[in-house]
C-alpha atoms as a PDB file:
ATOM      1  CA  MET A   1      -7.218 -13.229  35.288  1.00  0.00           C
ATOM      2  CA  LYS A   2     -10.671 -14.435  34.882  1.00  0.00           C
ATOM      3  CA  ALA A   3     -12.392 -17.311  33.267  1.00  0.00           C
ATOM      4  CA  PHE A   4     -16.054 -17.655  32.352  1.00  0.00           C
ATOM      5  CA  LYS A   5     -17.983 -20.702  31.048  1.00  0.00           C
ATOM      6  CA  LEU A   6     -21.284 -21.125  29.348  1.00  0.00           C
ATOM      7  CA  PHE A   7     -22.443 -24.488  28.275  1.00  0.00           C
ATOM      8  CA  ALA A   8     -24.163 -25.146  24.947  1.00  0.00           C
ATOM      9  CA  ILE A   9     -25.102 -28.654  23.989  1.00  0.00           C
ATOM     10  CA  LEU A  10     -24.989 -29.172  20.314  1.00  0.00           C
ATOM     11  CA  GLY A  11     -25.148 -32.356  18.352  1.00  0.00           C
ATOM     12  CA  LEU A  12     -26.929 -34.930  16.443  1.00  0.00           C
ATOM     13  CA  ALA A  13     -30.278 -35.728  18.073  1.00  0.00           C
ATOM     14  CA  PHE A  14     -31.758 -39.071  17.468  1.00  0.00           C
ATOM     15  CA  ALA A  15     -35.482 -39.123  18.248  1.00  0.00           C
ATOM     16  CA  ALA A  16     -36.938 -42.336  19.610  1.00  0.00           C
ATOM     17  CA  VAL A  17     -40.502 -43.001  18.636  1.00  0.00           C
ATOM     18  CA  SER A  18     -42.255 -45.645  20.881  1.00  0.00           C
ATOM     19  CA  CYS A  19     -43.991 -47.265  17.901  1.00  0.00           C
ATOM     20  CA  GLU A  20     -40.852 -47.493  15.695  1.00  0.00           C
ATOM     21  CA  PRO A  21     -40.333 -51.053  14.743  1.00  0.00           C
ATOM     22  CA  THR A  22     -36.963 -52.785  15.530  1.00  0.00           C
ATOM     23  CA  VAL A  23     -34.817 -52.940  12.389  1.00  0.00           C
ATOM     24  CA  PRO A  24     -32.618 -56.051  12.175  1.00  0.00           C
ATOM     25  CA  GLY A  25     -28.910 -55.188  12.170  1.00  0.00           C
ATOM     26  CA  LYS A  26     -29.551 -51.572  13.207  1.00  0.00           C
ATOM     27  CA  THR A  27     -26.647 -50.041  15.152  1.00  0.00           C
ATOM     28  CA  GLU A  28     -27.566 -47.996  18.174  1.00  0.00           C
ATOM     29  CA  LEU A  29     -25.256 -45.071  18.226  1.00  0.00           C
ATOM     30  CA  GLY A  30     -25.868 -44.208  21.873  1.00  0.00           C
ATOM     31  CA  PRO A  31     -26.359 -40.933  23.763  1.00  0.00           C
ATOM     32  CA  LEU A  32     -24.665 -37.606  23.108  1.00  0.00           C
ATOM     33  CA  PRO A  33     -21.607 -36.741  25.211  1.00  0.00           C
ATOM     34  CA  THR A  34     -21.719 -33.995  27.835  1.00  0.00           C
ATOM     35  CA  ALA A  35     -19.068 -31.273  27.337  1.00  0.00           C
ATOM     36  CA  ASP A  36     -17.404 -29.629  30.231  1.00  0.00           C
ATOM     37  CA  TYR A  37     -13.825 -28.328  30.972  1.00  0.00           C
ATOM     38  CA  SER A  38     -11.670 -26.788  33.621  1.00  0.00           C
ATOM     39  CA  LEU A  39      -9.169 -23.970  33.235  1.00  0.00           C
ATOM     40  CA  GLN A  40      -6.020 -23.269  35.156  1.00  0.00           C
ATOM     41  CA  PHE A  41      -3.515 -20.502  34.767  1.00  0.00           C
ATOM     42  CA  VAL A  42       0.076 -21.706  34.325  1.00  0.00           C
ATOM     43  CA  ASP A  43       1.298 -18.054  34.413  1.00  0.00           C
ATOM     44  CA  SER A  44      -0.175 -14.762  33.430  1.00  0.00           C
ATOM     45  CA  ASN A  45      -0.376 -15.545  29.764  1.00  0.00           C
ATOM     46  CA  THR A  46      -0.630 -19.334  29.646  1.00  0.00           C
ATOM     47  CA  VAL A  47      -3.651 -21.390  30.483  1.00  0.00           C
ATOM     48  CA  MET A  48      -4.145 -25.148  30.824  1.00  0.00           C
ATOM     49  CA  LEU A  49      -7.338 -26.373  29.390  1.00  0.00           C
ATOM     50  CA  THR A  50      -8.480 -29.742  30.620  1.00  0.00           C
ATOM     51  CA  SER A  51     -11.561 -31.626  29.346  1.00  0.00           C
ATOM     52  CA  GLU A  52     -13.973 -32.802  32.037  1.00  0.00           C
ATOM     53  CA  SER A  53     -16.432 -34.206  29.547  1.00  0.00           C
ATOM     54  CA  SER A  54     -18.360 -37.429  30.003  1.00  0.00           C
ATOM     55  CA  GLY A  55     -19.788 -39.992  27.465  1.00  0.00           C
ATOM     56  CA  ASP A  56     -16.511 -41.501  26.362  1.00  0.00           C
ATOM     57  CA  PRO A  57     -15.491 -38.963  23.695  1.00  0.00           C
ATOM     58  CA  PHE A  58     -12.907 -40.043  21.107  1.00  0.00           C
ATOM     59  CA  LEU A  59     -12.103 -36.536  19.868  1.00  0.00           C
ATOM     60  CA  TYR A  60     -11.390 -33.390  21.896  1.00  0.00           C
ATOM     61  CA  GLN A  61     -11.125 -29.981  20.020  1.00  0.00           C
ATOM     62  CA  TRP A  62     -10.520 -26.441  21.377  1.00  0.00           C
ATOM     63  CA  GLU A  63     -10.982 -23.126  19.597  1.00  0.00           C
ATOM     64  CA  VAL A  64      -9.467 -20.055  21.374  1.00  0.00           C
ATOM     65  CA  ASP A  65     -10.603 -17.063  19.385  1.00  0.00           C
ATOM     66  CA  GLY A  66      -7.678 -15.279  17.544  1.00  0.00           C
ATOM     67  CA  ILE A  67      -5.142 -17.837  18.869  1.00  0.00           C
ATOM     68  CA  GLY A  68      -5.910 -21.099  17.133  1.00  0.00           C
ATOM     69  CA  VAL A  69      -7.514 -24.543  17.149  1.00  0.00           C
ATOM     70  CA  PHE A  70      -6.062 -27.349  19.332  1.00  0.00           C
ATOM     71  CA  THR A  71      -6.786 -31.020  19.794  1.00  0.00           C
ATOM     72  CA  GLY A  72      -6.282 -33.251  22.895  1.00  0.00           C
ATOM     73  CA  GLU A  73      -7.894 -33.969  26.115  1.00  0.00           C
ATOM     74  CA  GLU A  74      -5.511 -31.465  27.800  1.00  0.00           C
ATOM     75  CA  VAL A  75      -3.821 -28.499  26.024  1.00  0.00           C
ATOM     76  CA  GLU A  76      -1.561 -25.626  27.100  1.00  0.00           C
ATOM     77  CA  VAL A  77      -2.264 -22.368  25.343  1.00  0.00           C
ATOM     78  CA  PHE A  78      -0.077 -19.257  25.374  1.00  0.00           C
ATOM     79  CA  ILE A  79      -1.858 -16.029  24.794  1.00  0.00           C
ATOM     80  CA  PRO A  80       0.531 -13.085  24.383  1.00  0.00           C
ATOM     81  CA  LYS A  81      -1.925 -10.137  24.361  1.00  0.00           C
ATOM     82  CA  MET A  82      -4.267  -8.888  27.117  1.00  0.00           C
ATOM     83  CA  GLY A  83      -7.997  -9.165  26.349  1.00  0.00           C
ATOM     84  CA  VAL A  84     -11.047 -11.428  26.638  1.00  0.00           C
ATOM     85  CA  TYR A  85     -10.809 -14.570  24.489  1.00  0.00           C
ATOM     86  CA  ASP A  86     -13.757 -16.896  23.580  1.00  0.00           C
ATOM     87  CA  ILE A  87     -13.224 -20.618  24.174  1.00  0.00           C
ATOM     88  CA  LYS A  88     -15.167 -23.328  22.543  1.00  0.00           C
ATOM     89  CA  HIS A  89     -14.563 -26.968  23.597  1.00  0.00           C
ATOM     90  CA  THR A  90     -16.118 -29.658  21.422  1.00  0.00           C
ATOM     91  CA  VAL A  91     -16.154 -33.306  22.031  1.00  0.00           C
ATOM     92  CA  ILE A  92     -17.354 -36.226  19.861  1.00  0.00           C
ATOM     93  CA  ASN A  93     -18.421 -39.749  20.715  1.00  0.00           C
ATOM     94  CA  GLN A  94     -20.311 -42.352  18.818  1.00  0.00           C
ATOM     95  CA  GLY A  95     -23.669 -40.674  19.436  1.00  0.00           C
ATOM     96  CA  GLY A  96     -22.684 -37.216  18.174  1.00  0.00           C
ATOM     97  CA  HIS A  97     -21.119 -34.117  19.601  1.00  0.00           C
ATOM     98  CA  ALA A  98     -21.480 -31.527  22.279  1.00  0.00           C
ATOM     99  CA  THR A  99     -19.841 -28.179  23.007  1.00  0.00           C
ATOM    100  CA  ALA A 100     -19.080 -26.056  26.023  1.00  0.00           C
ATOM    101  CA  GLN A 101     -18.351 -22.353  25.569  1.00  0.00           C
ATOM    102  CA  GLY A 102     -16.685 -19.898  27.808  1.00  0.00           C
ATOM    103  CA  GLN A 103     -14.119 -16.991  27.999  1.00  0.00           C
ATOM    104  CA  VAL A 104     -10.831 -16.320  29.525  1.00  0.00           C
ATOM    105  CA  GLU A 105      -9.530 -12.846  30.351  1.00  0.00           C
ATOM    106  CA  ILE A 106      -5.776 -12.086  29.998  1.00  0.00           C
ATOM    107  CA  LEU A 107      -4.910  -9.024  32.083  1.00  0.00           C
ATOM    108  CA  ILE A 108      -1.439  -8.151  30.849  1.00  0.00           C
ATOM    109  CA  ASP A 109       0.723  -8.493  27.721  1.00  0.00           C
ATOM    110  CA  ALA A 110       3.380 -11.122  27.926  1.00  0.00           C
ATOM    111  CA  ALA A 111       6.663  -9.676  29.139  1.00  0.00           C
ATOM    112  CA  PHE A 112       9.406  -9.414  26.505  1.00  0.00           C
ATOM    113  CA  VAL A 113      12.876  -9.817  27.767  1.00  0.00           C
ATOM    114  CA  CYS A 114      15.433  -8.519  25.217  1.00  0.00           C
ATOM    115  CA  ALA A 115      18.373 -10.890  25.701  1.00  0.00           C
ATOM    116  CA  GLY A 116      19.869 -13.902  23.979  1.00  0.00           C
ATOM    117  CA  THR A 117      17.749 -15.374  21.262  1.00  0.00           C
ATOM    118  CA  SER A 118      15.000 -12.736  21.681  1.00  0.00           C
ATOM    119  CA  GLU A 119      17.509  -9.969  20.969  1.00  0.00           C
ATOM    120  CA  PHE A 120      18.978 -11.840  17.981  1.00  0.00           C
ATOM    121  CA  LEU A 121      15.547 -12.382  16.539  1.00  0.00           C
ATOM    122  CA  THR A 122      14.140  -8.921  17.081  1.00  0.00           C
ATOM    123  CA  ASP A 123      16.917  -6.448  17.708  1.00  0.00           C
ATOM    124  CA  CYS A 124      14.799  -5.491  20.782  1.00  0.00           C
ATOM    125  CA  THR A 125      12.373  -3.620  18.439  1.00  0.00           C
ATOM    126  CA  SER A 126      11.790  -5.342  15.087  1.00  0.00           C
ATOM    127  CA  ARG A 127      13.787  -7.440  12.651  1.00  0.00           C
ATOM    128  CA  THR A 128      12.795  -9.039   9.251  1.00  0.00           C
ATOM    129  CA  TRP A 129      13.970 -12.455   8.102  1.00  0.00           C
ATOM    130  CA  LYS A 130      13.850 -14.382   4.750  1.00  0.00           C
ATOM    131  CA  LEU A 131      15.135 -17.670   3.410  1.00  0.00           C
ATOM    132  CA  ALA A 132      18.761 -17.407   2.660  1.00  0.00           C
ATOM    133  CA  PRO A 133      19.606 -17.513  -1.121  1.00  0.00           C
ATOM    134  CA  GLN A 134      22.037 -20.295  -0.733  1.00  0.00           C
ATOM    135  CA  ALA A 135      22.133 -24.102  -1.314  1.00  0.00           C
ATOM    136  CA  GLY A 136      20.491 -26.069   1.492  1.00  0.00           C
ATOM    137  CA  ALA A 137      18.305 -23.296   2.762  1.00  0.00           C
ATOM    138  CA  LEU A 138      15.458 -25.836   2.482  1.00  0.00           C
ATOM    139  CA  TRP A 139      16.495 -29.295   3.508  1.00  0.00           C
ATOM    140  CA  VAL A 140      14.779 -32.474   4.535  1.00  0.00           C
ATOM    141  CA  GLY A 141      16.025 -35.776   5.984  1.00  0.00           C
ATOM    142  CA  PRO A 142      15.489 -38.475   8.442  1.00  0.00           C
ATOM    143  CA  PRO A 143      14.857 -37.751  12.256  1.00  0.00           C
ATOM    144  CA  ASP A 144      18.612 -38.339  13.028  1.00  0.00           C
ATOM    145  CA  ALA A 145      19.808 -36.106  10.176  1.00  0.00           C
ATOM    146  CA  SER A 146      22.181 -38.937   9.029  1.00  0.00           C
ATOM    147  CA  SER A 147      21.444 -38.327   5.297  1.00  0.00           C
ATOM    148  CA  THR A 148      19.975 -35.751   2.986  1.00  0.00           C
ATOM    149  CA  TRP A 149      16.771 -36.738   1.234  1.00  0.00           C
ATOM    150  CA  TRP A 150      16.465 -33.515  -0.571  1.00  0.00           C
ATOM    151  CA  ALA A 151      17.935 -30.066  -0.396  1.00  0.00           C
ATOM    152  CA  ILE A 152      17.363 -27.014  -2.525  1.00  0.00           C
ATOM    153  CA  GLY A 153      20.340 -26.065  -4.782  1.00  0.00           C
ATOM    154  CA  ALA A 154      22.269 -22.901  -5.181  1.00  0.00           C
ATOM    155  CA  THR A 155      19.868 -21.548  -7.702  1.00  0.00           C
ATOM    156  CA  GLY A 156      16.873 -21.951  -5.416  1.00  0.00           C
ATOM    157  CA  ALA A 157      16.233 -18.217  -5.033  1.00  0.00           C
ATOM    158  CA  THR A 158      15.973 -17.994  -8.849  1.00  0.00           C
ATOM    159  CA  ASP A 159      13.960 -21.210  -9.282  1.00  0.00           C
ATOM    160  CA  ARG A 160      11.573 -20.268  -6.431  1.00  0.00           C
ATOM    161  CA  PRO A 161      11.495 -16.478  -6.305  1.00  0.00           C
ATOM    162  CA  CYS A 162       8.051 -16.537  -4.776  1.00  0.00           C
ATOM    163  CA  ALA A 163       9.462 -18.471  -1.722  1.00  0.00           C
ATOM    164  CA  PHE A 164      12.648 -16.551  -1.282  1.00  0.00           C
ATOM    165  CA  ASP A 165      10.966 -13.123  -1.223  1.00  0.00           C
ATOM    166  CA  ASP A 166       8.684 -14.146   1.768  1.00  0.00           C
ATOM    167  CA  GLU A 167       9.338 -12.190   4.860  1.00  0.00           C
ATOM    168  CA  TRP A 168       8.865 -12.951   8.537  1.00  0.00           C
ATOM    169  CA  THR A 169       9.135  -9.924  10.818  1.00  0.00           C
ATOM    170  CA  PHE A 170       9.392 -10.478  14.666  1.00  0.00           C
ATOM    171  CA  ASN A 171       8.563  -7.640  16.827  1.00  0.00           C
ATOM    172  CA  SER A 172       9.226  -6.991  20.553  1.00  0.00           C
ATOM    173  CA  ASP A 173       5.522  -7.048  21.197  1.00  0.00           C
ATOM    174  CA  LEU A 174       5.701 -10.766  20.372  1.00  0.00           C
ATOM    175  CA  GLU A 175       3.945 -10.431  17.022  1.00  0.00           C
ATOM    176  CA  MET A 176       5.258 -12.339  13.904  1.00  0.00           C
ATOM    177  CA  ILE A 177       4.106 -10.626  10.657  1.00  0.00           C
ATOM    178  CA  TYR A 178       4.258 -12.920   7.670  1.00  0.00           C
ATOM    179  CA  ASP A 179       4.312 -11.219   4.152  1.00  0.00           C
ATOM    180  CA  THR A 180       4.174 -13.273   0.968  1.00  0.00           C
ATOM    181  CA  LYS A 181       4.684 -10.256  -1.198  1.00  0.00           C
ATOM    182  CA  GLY A 182       1.553 -11.429  -3.079  1.00  0.00           C
ATOM    183  CA  ASP A 183       2.703 -14.846  -4.244  1.00  0.00           C
ATOM    184  CA  ILE A 184       3.614 -18.141  -2.791  1.00  0.00           C
ATOM    185  CA  TRP A 185       5.421 -21.389  -3.654  1.00  0.00           C
ATOM    186  CA  ALA A 186       2.339 -23.650  -4.033  1.00  0.00           C
ATOM    187  CA  GLU A 187       2.340 -27.377  -3.915  1.00  0.00           C
ATOM    188  CA  THR A 188      -0.343 -29.952  -4.659  1.00  0.00           C
ATOM    189  CA  TYR A 189      -1.331 -30.347  -0.952  1.00  0.00           C
ATOM    190  CA  MET A 190      -2.623 -26.784  -1.250  1.00  0.00           C
ATOM    191  CA  GLY A 191      -5.078 -27.923  -3.943  1.00  0.00           C
ATOM    192  CA  VAL A 192      -3.043 -26.787  -7.062  1.00  0.00           C
ATOM    193  CA  ALA A 193      -2.498 -29.092 -10.061  1.00  0.00           C
ATOM    194  CA  ALA A 194       1.324 -28.794 -10.010  1.00  0.00           C
ATOM    195  CA  ASP A 195       4.013 -27.210  -7.901  1.00  0.00           C
ATOM    196  CA  GLY A 196       4.998 -23.649  -8.809  1.00  0.00           C
ATOM    197  CA  CYS A 197       4.635 -19.978  -8.045  1.00  0.00           C
ATOM    198  CA  GLN A 198       1.023 -18.840  -7.651  1.00  0.00           C
ATOM    199  CA  PRO A 199      -0.752 -15.722  -6.299  1.00  0.00           C
ATOM    200  CA  GLU A 200      -1.582 -16.191  -2.591  1.00  0.00           C
ATOM    201  CA  SER A 201      -5.198 -15.693  -3.596  1.00  0.00           C
ATOM    202  CA  ILE A 202      -5.208 -19.463  -4.521  1.00  0.00           C
ATOM    203  CA  LEU A 203      -5.330 -20.221  -0.790  1.00  0.00           C
ATOM    204  CA  THR A 204      -9.021 -20.637   0.031  1.00  0.00           C
ATOM    205  CA  GLY A 205     -11.050 -22.221   2.823  1.00  0.00           C
ATOM    206  CA  PRO A 206      -8.969 -23.378   5.778  1.00  0.00           C
ATOM    207  CA  LYS A 207      -5.790 -23.034   3.671  1.00  0.00           C
ATOM    208  CA  ALA A 208      -6.300 -19.197   3.485  1.00  0.00           C
ATOM    209  CA  ALA A 209      -4.647 -19.048   6.914  1.00  0.00           C
ATOM    210  CA  TRP A 210      -1.313 -19.690   5.285  1.00  0.00           C
ATOM    211  CA  ALA A 211      -1.463 -16.345   3.514  1.00  0.00           C
ATOM    212  CA  SER A 212       0.005 -13.045   4.739  1.00  0.00           C
ATOM    213  CA  GLY A 213      -0.941 -12.373   8.274  1.00  0.00           C
ATOM    214  CA  THR A 214      -0.051 -11.554  11.819  1.00  0.00           C
ATOM    215  CA  HIS A 215       0.619 -14.168  14.433  1.00  0.00           C
ATOM    216  CA  GLY A 216       2.276 -14.470  17.860  1.00  0.00           C
ATOM    217  CA  PHE A 217       5.555 -16.109  18.780  1.00  0.00           C
ATOM    218  CA  GLU A 218       7.403 -17.172  21.941  1.00  0.00           C
ATOM    219  CA  VAL A 219      11.048 -17.959  22.537  1.00  0.00           C
ATOM    220  CA  LEU A 220      11.529 -21.033  24.666  1.00  0.00           C
ATOM    221  CA  PRO A 221      15.123 -20.919  26.216  1.00  0.00           C
ATOM    222  CA  GLY A 222      16.847 -24.271  26.553  1.00  0.00           C
ATOM    223  CA  SER A 223      13.734 -26.253  25.866  1.00  0.00           C
ATOM    224  CA  GLY A 224      14.768 -28.133  22.646  1.00  0.00           C
ATOM    225  CA  VAL A 225      16.795 -31.167  21.916  1.00  0.00           C
ATOM    226  CA  ASN A 226      20.238 -31.134  23.705  1.00  0.00           C
ATOM    227  CA  GLY A 227      19.064 -27.861  25.441  1.00  0.00           C
ATOM    228  CA  VAL A 228      18.910 -25.618  22.346  1.00  0.00           C
ATOM    229  CA  ASP A 229      16.508 -22.700  22.389  1.00  0.00           C
ATOM    230  CA  GLN A 230      13.200 -23.079  20.599  1.00  0.00           C
ATOM    231  CA  LEU A 231      10.975 -20.614  18.630  1.00  0.00           C
ATOM    232  CA  LYS A 232       7.252 -21.280  18.795  1.00  0.00           C
ATOM    233  CA  VAL A 233       4.996 -19.528  16.272  1.00  0.00           C
ATOM    234  CA  ILE A 234       1.383 -19.255  17.400  1.00  0.00           C
ATOM    235  CA  GLY A 235      -1.912 -18.868  15.674  1.00  0.00           C
ATOM    236  CA  THR A 236      -3.659 -20.962  13.105  1.00  0.00           C
ATOM    237  CA  GLY A 237      -1.661 -20.858   9.909  1.00  0.00           C
ATOM    238  CA  ALA A 238       1.668 -19.612  11.514  1.00  0.00           C
ATOM    239  CA  PHE A 239       4.654 -21.130  10.043  1.00  0.00           C
ATOM    240  CA  ILE A 240       8.316 -20.532   8.944  1.00  0.00           C
ATOM    241  CA  GLY A 241       9.865 -22.024   5.751  1.00  0.00           C
ATOM    242  CA  LEU A 242       7.186 -24.428   4.384  1.00  0.00           C
ATOM    243  CA  PRO A 243       3.620 -24.370   5.754  1.00  0.00           C
ATOM    244  CA  LYS A 244       3.244 -28.273   5.542  1.00  0.00           C
ATOM    245  CA  ALA A 245       6.026 -29.103   8.019  1.00  0.00           C
ATOM    246  CA  ALA A 246       4.448 -29.257  11.406  1.00  0.00           C
ATOM    247  CA  ASN A 247       5.263 -31.052  14.646  1.00  0.00           C
ATOM    248  CA  SER A 248       2.601 -33.668  14.023  1.00  0.00           C
ATOM    249  CA  GLY A 249       3.924 -34.481  10.611  1.00  0.00           C
ATOM    250  CA  GLU A 250       3.435 -33.121   7.153  1.00  0.00           C
ATOM    251  CA  VAL A 251      -0.035 -31.590   7.125  1.00  0.00           C
ATOM    252  CA  GLY A 252      -2.565 -30.574   4.464  1.00  0.00           C
ATOM    253  CA  ASN A 253      -4.315 -27.836   6.551  1.00  0.00           C
ATOM    254  CA  PRO A 254      -3.015 -25.148   8.858  1.00  0.00           C
ATOM    255  CA  VAL A 255      -2.408 -25.996  12.581  1.00  0.00           C
ATOM    256  CA  ALA A 256      -2.538 -23.845  15.631  1.00  0.00           C
ATOM    257  CA  GLU A 257       1.218 -23.617  16.481  1.00  0.00           C
ATOM    258  CA  ILE A 258       4.569 -24.978  15.392  1.00  0.00           C
ATOM    259  CA  THR A 259       7.755 -25.236  17.519  1.00  0.00           C
ATOM    260  CA  TYR A 260      11.193 -25.134  15.922  1.00  0.00           C
ATOM    261  CA  ASP A 261      14.533 -25.975  17.433  1.00  0.00           C
ATOM    262  CA  ILE A 262      17.141 -23.180  16.787  1.00  0.00           C
ATOM    263  CA  LEU A 263      20.293 -24.983  15.684  1.00  0.00           C
ATOM    264  CA  SER A 264      22.597 -22.015  15.122  1.00  0.00           C
ATOM    265  CA  MET A 265      22.736 -18.239  15.218  1.00  0.00           C
ATOM    266  CA  THR A 266      25.654 -16.304  13.537  1.00  0.00           C
ATOM    267  CA  ASP A 267      26.310 -12.694  12.831  1.00  0.00           C
ATOM    268  CA  ASP A 268      29.077 -11.499  10.423  1.00  0.00           C
ATOM    269  CA  GLY A 269      28.629  -7.889  11.386  1.00  0.00           C
ATOM    270  CA  SER A 270      26.265  -7.021   8.441  1.00  0.00           C
ATOM    271  CA  THR A 271      23.998 -10.050   8.109  1.00  0.00           C
ATOM    272  CA  ARG A 272      22.593 -12.495  10.632  1.00  0.00           C
ATOM    273  CA  TYR A 273      21.931 -16.163   9.878  1.00  0.00           C
ATOM    274  CA  MET A 274      19.657 -18.600  11.788  1.00  0.00           C
ATOM    275  CA  GLU A 275      19.193 -22.321  11.137  1.00  0.00           C
ATOM    276  CA  ILE A 276      16.045 -23.835  12.464  1.00  0.00           C
ATOM    277  CA  GLU A 277      14.605 -27.313  12.420  1.00  0.00           C
ATOM    278  CA  VAL A 278      11.076 -28.821  12.755  1.00  0.00           C
ATOM    279  CA  ASN A 279      10.767 -32.486  13.783  1.00  0.00           C
ATOM    280  CA  CYS A 280       7.665 -33.728  11.948  1.00  0.00           C
ATOM    281  CA  GLY A 281       6.417 -36.265  14.415  1.00  0.00           C
ATOM    282  CA  GLY A 282       9.494 -38.401  14.413  1.00  0.00           C
ATOM    283  CA  SER A 283       9.142 -39.263  10.769  1.00  0.00           C
ATOM    284  CA  LEU A 284      11.371 -36.687   9.218  1.00  0.00           C
ATOM    285  CA  ILE A 285      12.874 -33.254   9.878  1.00  0.00           C
ATOM    286  CA  TRP A 286      12.796 -30.034   7.849  1.00  0.00           C
ATOM    287  CA  ARG A 287      15.589 -27.408   8.237  1.00  0.00           C
ATOM    288  CA  TYR A 288      15.584 -23.848   7.077  1.00  0.00           C
ATOM    289  CA  THR A 289      18.363 -21.266   6.872  1.00  0.00           C
ATOM    290  CA  LEU A 290      17.145 -17.704   7.301  1.00  0.00           C
ATOM    291  CA  TYR A 291      18.987 -14.485   7.077  1.00  0.00           C
ATOM    292  CA  SER A 292      18.418 -10.842   8.072  1.00  0.00           C
ATOM    293  CA  GLU A 293      20.286  -7.829   6.971  1.00  0.00           C
END
C-alpha cells in the first residue's frame, strides 16, 4: 500500500498594487489557505484522509478518482478494487481556495466473504434485485417510524413502471450494477417540469451520475441501529430505491455513498425479499422493499 502527494496551490489571487488608493468600506478577504493532508490505512482497502490545511478553511472537499466526492475535515474511504487512485483535496477560506493532489495505491481487491447478508444479497456469485410490486414498497415517515407520511399503493408497479423495472445487481466482486432499462421515474429535483417517467437521458450535468452505471458496495455486519446489518453503496450517484434519499437528507445532486439499514430478509423458496431503510439526517426515513427471483 502506497500513498503519494503532490501539492498544487490553486485559487483566487488578489494582487496588491502599492499605489492603489484605500477604498472606504472595502472588505479585505485575506490570504489564500494552504492545502495539505495526511493519509492512514485503516485496513488494506480503507483509507482515512485527514486535512492538515492551514488558513482557517470553512469547507473541506475530497475527490477520489472513480470512487466519489466527500466533504469533511476527516473522511474514511473504502476502495474495493486494487489500483492507483488520484486524490484531490480542496479547501476554501475567505480568501479563496487551494488544492493538494496525490495518489494512493491499493494492492489487493477487498475480500468477499460469502456468508449471512453477503450470501443473501449475491448468492455468492451474482443476484439481481428490483422494487417489489406491492403496496408500501416505497415508504416515507418520521425518524421513529411512528406514522406513515406517504406510501406507494398496490398499483405502484403499473403507475410507475419506469421505477419498478430498475435493476440492482450485486456481484461477489463487490460491484453493484444499476440498470434503469432506459427510463427513470423523474421528479422536479432532477430538473424536470413535473414528476413522471422520462428517458434517463434527461439526467445531465452532475445528475447524470444517477443513470445506469457500475458502483461498489460493502456489507457492514451489525453496524446499524439495534445491531442490524448495513449495506453501503459506494461511488458518486450510487443509490437504491430513490436517488434523493441520502444519509445527509433529501439531496438535489448525487452523493459519494449511501448507507442503508437492512431491516429484514426473507426467502420463501422461490423469491427473496429484503426491506432496507435510509435515515435522511434525522429528519425522515425512507424504506424500500426489494425482491429477487
